[in-house]
Amino acid sequence: MLRQEGTERSFTSPLNKEKRKGTFHCAGCDNALYSSTAKYDSGTGWPSFWQAVDKRAVGTSTDYKIGYPRTEVHCADCGGHLGHIFDDGPRPTGKRHCINGVALKFRPA
């Protein structure tokens, strides 16, 4: 998923249920990407966050793979595909970073 820009099946990642305090890192290079404080249950079946740990942690590009534009999100350090960003998230950003669990590894605080 991380290198082939794929999407894992929804509701299959054990990280969906991860509730501990900590940080989610890139599975490819260990770059810190998301804090547990920005994680929420979006009901979509993928780990979801309303922002990255830092503006420089992730990068974005436009993805047309399914016929219409989506915002693809990738690790800013190694370029690994993480998922997509949508405009239906909670406050304060209104964004939903919909992330493949296999692209992440969790480090408890």
N, C-alpha and C. Protein backbone atom coordinates (compact mmCIF):
# COMPACT_ATOMS: atom_id res chain seq x y z
N MET A 1 0.81 -1.19 0.00
CA MET A 1 0.00 0.00 0.00
C MET A 1 0.86 1.26 0.00
N LEU A 2 1.85 1.26 0.85
CA LEU A 2 2.68 2.45 1.04
C LEU A 2 3.41 2.84 -0.25
N ARG A 3 3.91 1.88 -0.98
CA ARG A 3 4.67 2.16 -2.20
C ARG A 3 3.85 2.01 -3.48
N GLN A 4 2.78 1.22 -3.45
CA GLN A 4 1.97 0.99 -4.65
C GLN A 4 0.74 1.91 -4.73
N GLU A 5 0.59 2.80 -3.75
CA GLU A 5 -0.53 3.75 -3.70
C GLU A 5 -1.88 3.05 -3.68
N GLY A 6 -1.96 1.92 -3.00
CA GLY A 6 -3.21 1.18 -2.89
C GLY A 6 -4.01 1.60 -1.67
N THR A 7 -5.15 0.96 -1.50
CA THR A 7 -6.02 1.22 -0.36
C THR A 7 -6.37 -0.10 0.30
N GLU A 8 -6.15 -0.19 1.59
CA GLU A 8 -6.52 -1.41 2.31
C GLU A 8 -8.04 -1.47 2.46
N ARG A 9 -8.57 -2.67 2.68
CA ARG A 9 -10.01 -2.82 2.90
C ARG A 9 -10.40 -2.08 4.17
N SER A 10 -11.54 -1.44 4.14
CA SER A 10 -12.01 -0.71 5.31
C SER A 10 -12.30 -1.68 6.46
N PHE A 11 -12.18 -1.18 7.67
CA PHE A 11 -12.44 -1.90 8.91
C PHE A 11 -11.52 -3.09 9.14
N THR A 12 -10.34 -3.11 8.51
CA THR A 12 -9.40 -4.22 8.71
C THR A 12 -8.19 -3.84 9.55
N SER A 13 -7.93 -2.57 9.76
CA SER A 13 -6.74 -2.17 10.49
C SER A 13 -6.96 -2.20 12.00
N PRO A 14 -6.07 -2.84 12.74
CA PRO A 14 -6.16 -2.80 14.20
C PRO A 14 -5.99 -1.38 14.76
N LEU A 15 -5.40 -0.48 13.97
CA LEU A 15 -5.21 0.90 14.43
C LEU A 15 -6.52 1.67 14.52
N ASN A 16 -7.58 1.16 13.91
CA ASN A 16 -8.89 1.81 14.05
C ASN A 16 -9.30 1.90 15.52
N LYS A 17 -8.95 0.88 16.27
CA LYS A 17 -9.36 0.80 17.68
C LYS A 17 -8.29 1.32 18.64
N GLU A 18 -7.20 1.81 18.13
CA GLU A 18 -6.11 2.31 18.99
C GLU A 18 -6.56 3.60 19.68
N LYS A 19 -6.60 3.58 21.02
CA LYS A 19 -7.09 4.73 21.80
C LYS A 19 -6.02 5.31 22.73
N ARG A 20 -4.85 4.67 22.80
CA ARG A 20 -3.82 5.16 23.71
C ARG A 20 -3.21 6.47 23.20
N LYS A 21 -2.60 7.21 24.13
CA LYS A 21 -1.87 8.42 23.76
C LYS A 21 -0.57 8.00 23.11
N GLY A 22 -0.20 8.71 22.06
CA GLY A 22 1.04 8.41 21.36
C GLY A 22 1.08 9.06 20.00
N THR A 23 1.96 8.54 19.16
CA THR A 23 2.19 9.11 17.83
C THR A 23 2.17 8.02 16.78
N PHE A 24 1.57 8.33 15.65
CA PHE A 24 1.53 7.42 14.51
C PHE A 24 2.64 7.83 13.55
N HIS A 25 3.50 6.88 13.22
CA HIS A 25 4.67 7.11 12.37
C HIS A 25 4.50 6.43 11.02
N CYS A 26 5.26 6.90 10.04
CA CYS A 26 5.28 6.28 8.72
C CYS A 26 5.88 4.88 8.85
N ALA A 27 5.21 3.89 8.30
CA ALA A 27 5.71 2.51 8.34
C ALA A 27 6.95 2.34 7.46
N GLY A 28 7.16 3.26 6.53
CA GLY A 28 8.30 3.14 5.63
C GLY A 28 9.58 3.76 6.14
N CYS A 29 9.49 4.89 6.84
CA CYS A 29 10.71 5.60 7.24
C CYS A 29 10.71 6.07 8.69
N ASP A 30 9.63 5.85 9.41
CA ASP A 30 9.51 6.20 10.83
C ASP A 30 9.30 7.69 11.09
N ASN A 31 8.99 8.47 10.07
CA ASN A 31 8.68 9.89 10.25
C ASN A 31 7.41 10.01 11.10
N ALA A 32 7.42 10.87 12.13
CA ALA A 32 6.23 11.13 12.94
C ALA A 32 5.21 11.86 12.09
N LEU A 33 3.98 11.33 12.01
CA LEU A 33 2.95 11.88 11.12
C LEU A 33 1.74 12.45 11.84
N TYR A 34 1.16 11.68 12.76
CA TYR A 34 -0.09 12.07 13.41
C TYR A 34 -0.05 11.80 14.90
N SER A 35 -0.61 12.71 15.68
CA SER A 35 -0.74 12.54 17.12
C SER A 35 -2.07 11.87 17.43
N SER A 36 -2.08 11.09 18.49
CA SER A 36 -3.34 10.46 18.92
C SER A 36 -4.38 11.52 19.31
N THR A 37 -3.94 12.72 19.66
CA THR A 37 -4.89 13.77 20.04
C THR A 37 -5.69 14.29 18.85
N ALA A 38 -5.22 14.04 17.62
CA ALA A 38 -5.93 14.47 16.42
C ALA A 38 -6.71 13.31 15.78
N LYS A 39 -6.68 12.13 16.40
CA LYS A 39 -7.38 10.96 15.86
C LYS A 39 -8.83 10.98 16.29
N TYR A 40 -9.72 10.55 15.42
CA TYR A 40 -11.14 10.46 15.76
C TYR A 40 -11.77 9.34 14.96
N ASP A 41 -12.94 8.90 15.40
CA ASP A 41 -13.66 7.83 14.71
C ASP A 41 -14.56 8.46 13.65
N SER A 42 -14.15 8.35 12.40
CA SER A 42 -14.92 8.94 11.30
C SER A 42 -16.03 8.01 10.83
N GLY A 43 -15.99 6.74 11.25
CA GLY A 43 -16.99 5.78 10.81
C GLY A 43 -16.72 5.22 9.42
N THR A 44 -15.59 5.58 8.83
CA THR A 44 -15.28 5.15 7.46
C THR A 44 -14.56 3.82 7.39
N GLY A 45 -13.97 3.39 8.53
CA GLY A 45 -13.24 2.13 8.54
C GLY A 45 -11.74 2.27 8.38
N TRP A 46 -11.24 3.48 8.32
CA TRP A 46 -9.80 3.74 8.25
C TRP A 46 -9.43 4.68 9.38
N PRO A 47 -8.20 4.59 9.90
CA PRO A 47 -7.77 5.56 10.90
C PRO A 47 -7.89 6.98 10.32
N SER A 48 -8.50 7.87 11.09
CA SER A 48 -8.76 9.22 10.61
C SER A 48 -8.24 10.25 11.60
N PHE A 49 -7.71 11.34 11.05
CA PHE A 49 -7.10 12.40 11.85
C PHE A 49 -7.55 13.74 11.26
N TRP A 50 -7.67 14.77 12.11
CA TRP A 50 -8.06 16.08 11.59
C TRP A 50 -6.88 16.97 11.25
N GLN A 51 -5.65 16.53 11.58
CA GLN A 51 -4.45 17.24 11.15
C GLN A 51 -3.22 16.38 11.40
N ALA A 52 -2.16 16.70 10.70
CA ALA A 52 -0.86 16.03 10.90
C ALA A 52 -0.15 16.67 12.10
N VAL A 53 0.90 16.03 12.60
CA VAL A 53 1.64 16.58 13.75
C VAL A 53 2.30 17.91 13.42
N ASP A 54 2.61 18.11 12.15
CA ASP A 54 3.32 19.30 11.71
C ASP A 54 3.00 19.50 10.23
N LYS A 55 2.97 20.72 9.78
CA LYS A 55 2.69 21.00 8.37
C LYS A 55 3.71 20.37 7.44
N ARG A 56 4.92 20.13 7.96
CA ARG A 56 5.98 19.54 7.14
C ARG A 56 6.03 18.02 7.20
N ALA A 57 5.17 17.39 8.00
CA ALA A 57 5.20 15.93 8.15
C ALA A 57 4.64 15.20 6.93
N VAL A 58 3.64 15.81 6.29
CA VAL A 58 3.00 15.18 5.13
C VAL A 58 2.99 16.14 3.95
N GLY A 59 2.87 15.57 2.77
CA GLY A 59 2.72 16.35 1.55
C GLY A 59 1.45 15.92 0.85
N THR A 60 1.02 16.69 -0.11
CA THR A 60 -0.20 16.35 -0.84
C THR A 60 0.01 16.51 -2.34
N SER A 61 -0.83 15.83 -3.10
CA SER A 61 -0.87 15.96 -4.55
C SER A 61 -2.29 15.63 -4.99
N THR A 62 -2.61 15.92 -6.23
CA THR A 62 -3.94 15.62 -6.76
C THR A 62 -3.91 14.26 -7.42
N ASP A 63 -4.88 13.44 -7.06
CA ASP A 63 -5.01 12.06 -7.53
C ASP A 63 -6.28 11.96 -8.37
N TYR A 64 -6.17 11.47 -9.61
CA TYR A 64 -7.32 11.30 -10.51
C TYR A 64 -7.62 9.83 -10.77
N LYS A 65 -7.10 8.92 -9.95
CA LYS A 65 -7.19 7.48 -10.23
C LYS A 65 -8.60 6.93 -10.34
N ILE A 66 -9.58 7.55 -9.71
CA ILE A 66 -10.95 7.03 -9.80
C ILE A 66 -11.86 7.94 -10.63
N GLY A 67 -11.26 8.81 -11.44
CA GLY A 67 -12.03 9.61 -12.38
C GLY A 67 -12.34 11.03 -11.94
N TYR A 68 -12.14 11.34 -10.68
CA TYR A 68 -12.34 12.72 -10.22
C TYR A 68 -11.20 13.06 -9.26
N PRO A 69 -10.93 14.35 -9.09
CA PRO A 69 -9.78 14.74 -8.28
C PRO A 69 -9.99 14.49 -6.79
N ARG A 70 -8.96 13.93 -6.17
CA ARG A 70 -8.92 13.77 -4.72
C ARG A 70 -7.55 14.26 -4.25
N THR A 71 -7.47 14.65 -3.00
CA THR A 71 -6.19 15.08 -2.43
C THR A 71 -5.50 13.87 -1.82
N GLU A 72 -4.43 13.43 -2.46
CA GLU A 72 -3.63 12.31 -1.95
C GLU A 72 -2.66 12.86 -0.92
N VAL A 73 -2.46 12.13 0.17
CA VAL A 73 -1.51 12.54 1.20
C VAL A 73 -0.39 11.50 1.28
N HIS A 74 0.84 12.00 1.38
CA HIS A 74 2.00 11.12 1.43
C HIS A 74 2.98 11.61 2.49
N CYS A 75 3.85 10.71 2.91
CA CYS A 75 4.89 11.06 3.87
C CYS A 75 5.84 12.06 3.22
N ALA A 76 6.09 13.16 3.91
CA ALA A 76 6.98 14.18 3.36
C ALA A 76 8.43 13.72 3.29
N ASP A 77 8.81 12.75 4.11
CA ASP A 77 10.21 12.29 4.11
C ASP A 77 10.49 11.25 3.02
N CYS A 78 9.64 10.20 2.93
CA CYS A 78 9.95 9.11 1.99
C CYS A 78 9.00 9.04 0.80
N GLY A 79 7.93 9.84 0.80
CA GLY A 79 6.99 9.86 -0.31
C GLY A 79 5.97 8.73 -0.29
N GLY A 80 5.97 7.90 0.75
CA GLY A 80 5.03 6.79 0.84
C GLY A 80 3.58 7.25 0.87
N HIS A 81 2.73 6.56 0.11
CA HIS A 81 1.30 6.88 0.05
C HIS A 81 0.65 6.54 1.38
N LEU A 82 -0.06 7.51 1.95
CA LEU A 82 -0.74 7.31 3.23
C LEU A 82 -2.24 7.15 3.06
N GLY A 83 -2.83 7.90 2.17
CA GLY A 83 -4.28 7.89 1.98
C GLY A 83 -4.73 9.16 1.28
N HIS A 84 -5.86 9.70 1.73
CA HIS A 84 -6.43 10.89 1.11
C HIS A 84 -6.96 11.85 2.18
N ILE A 85 -7.10 13.11 1.81
CA ILE A 85 -7.66 14.13 2.69
C ILE A 85 -8.97 14.61 2.09
N PHE A 86 -10.00 14.64 2.94
CA PHE A 86 -11.33 15.07 2.52
C PHE A 86 -11.78 16.26 3.36
N ASP A 87 -12.76 17.00 2.86
CA ASP A 87 -13.25 18.20 3.53
C ASP A 87 -14.47 17.94 4.40
N ASP A 88 -14.58 16.76 4.99
CA ASP A 88 -15.74 16.44 5.82
C ASP A 88 -15.34 16.05 7.24
N GLY A 89 -14.24 16.62 7.71
CA GLY A 89 -13.75 16.30 9.05
C GLY A 89 -14.29 17.24 10.11
N PRO A 90 -13.90 16.99 11.36
CA PRO A 90 -14.38 17.81 12.47
C PRO A 90 -13.60 19.11 12.61
N ARG A 91 -14.08 19.95 13.48
CA ARG A 91 -13.37 21.17 13.85
C ARG A 91 -12.11 20.77 14.59
N PRO A 92 -11.09 21.51 14.59
CA PRO A 92 -11.02 22.87 14.09
C PRO A 92 -10.64 22.99 12.62
N THR A 93 -10.20 21.92 11.96
CA THR A 93 -9.72 22.04 10.58
C THR A 93 -10.79 21.74 9.53
N GLY A 94 -11.78 20.92 9.87
CA GLY A 94 -12.77 20.50 8.87
C GLY A 94 -12.22 19.47 7.90
N LYS A 95 -11.02 18.96 8.17
CA LYS A 95 -10.36 17.99 7.28
C LYS A 95 -10.44 16.59 7.88
N ARG A 96 -10.48 15.59 7.00
CA ARG A 96 -10.39 14.19 7.40
C ARG A 96 -9.22 13.56 6.66
N HIS A 97 -8.14 13.31 7.37
CA HIS A 97 -7.01 12.58 6.80
C HIS A 97 -7.37 11.10 6.96
N CYS A 98 -7.79 10.49 5.89
CA CYS A 98 -8.23 9.10 5.86
C CYS A 98 -7.01 8.25 5.48
N ILE A 99 -6.45 7.54 6.46
CA ILE A 99 -5.12 6.96 6.32
C ILE A 99 -5.17 5.43 6.36
N ASN A 100 -4.43 4.79 5.47
CA ASN A 100 -4.29 3.34 5.49
C ASN A 100 -3.54 2.94 6.76
N GLY A 101 -4.12 2.05 7.54
CA GLY A 101 -3.45 1.60 8.76
C GLY A 101 -2.12 0.92 8.49
N VAL A 102 -2.01 0.22 7.36
CA VAL A 102 -0.76 -0.47 7.04
C VAL A 102 0.36 0.51 6.72
N ALA A 103 0.04 1.77 6.48
CA ALA A 103 1.06 2.78 6.21
C ALA A 103 1.59 3.40 7.49
N LEU A 104 1.00 3.00 8.63
CA LEU A 104 1.36 3.59 9.93
C LEU A 104 1.89 2.55 10.89
N LYS A 105 2.69 3.02 11.84
CA LYS A 105 3.00 2.24 13.02
C LYS A 105 2.82 3.16 14.22
N PHE A 106 2.26 2.61 15.28
CA PHE A 106 1.92 3.40 16.46
C PHE A 106 2.98 3.27 17.52
N ARG A 107 3.34 4.41 18.10
CA ARG A 107 4.27 4.45 19.22
C ARG A 107 3.53 5.05 20.42
N PRO A 108 3.29 4.25 21.46
CA PRO A 108 2.62 4.80 22.65
C PRO A 108 3.49 5.85 23.33
N ALA A 109 2.83 6.79 24.01
CA ALA A 109 3.55 7.87 24.73
C ALA A 109 4.32 7.29 25.90
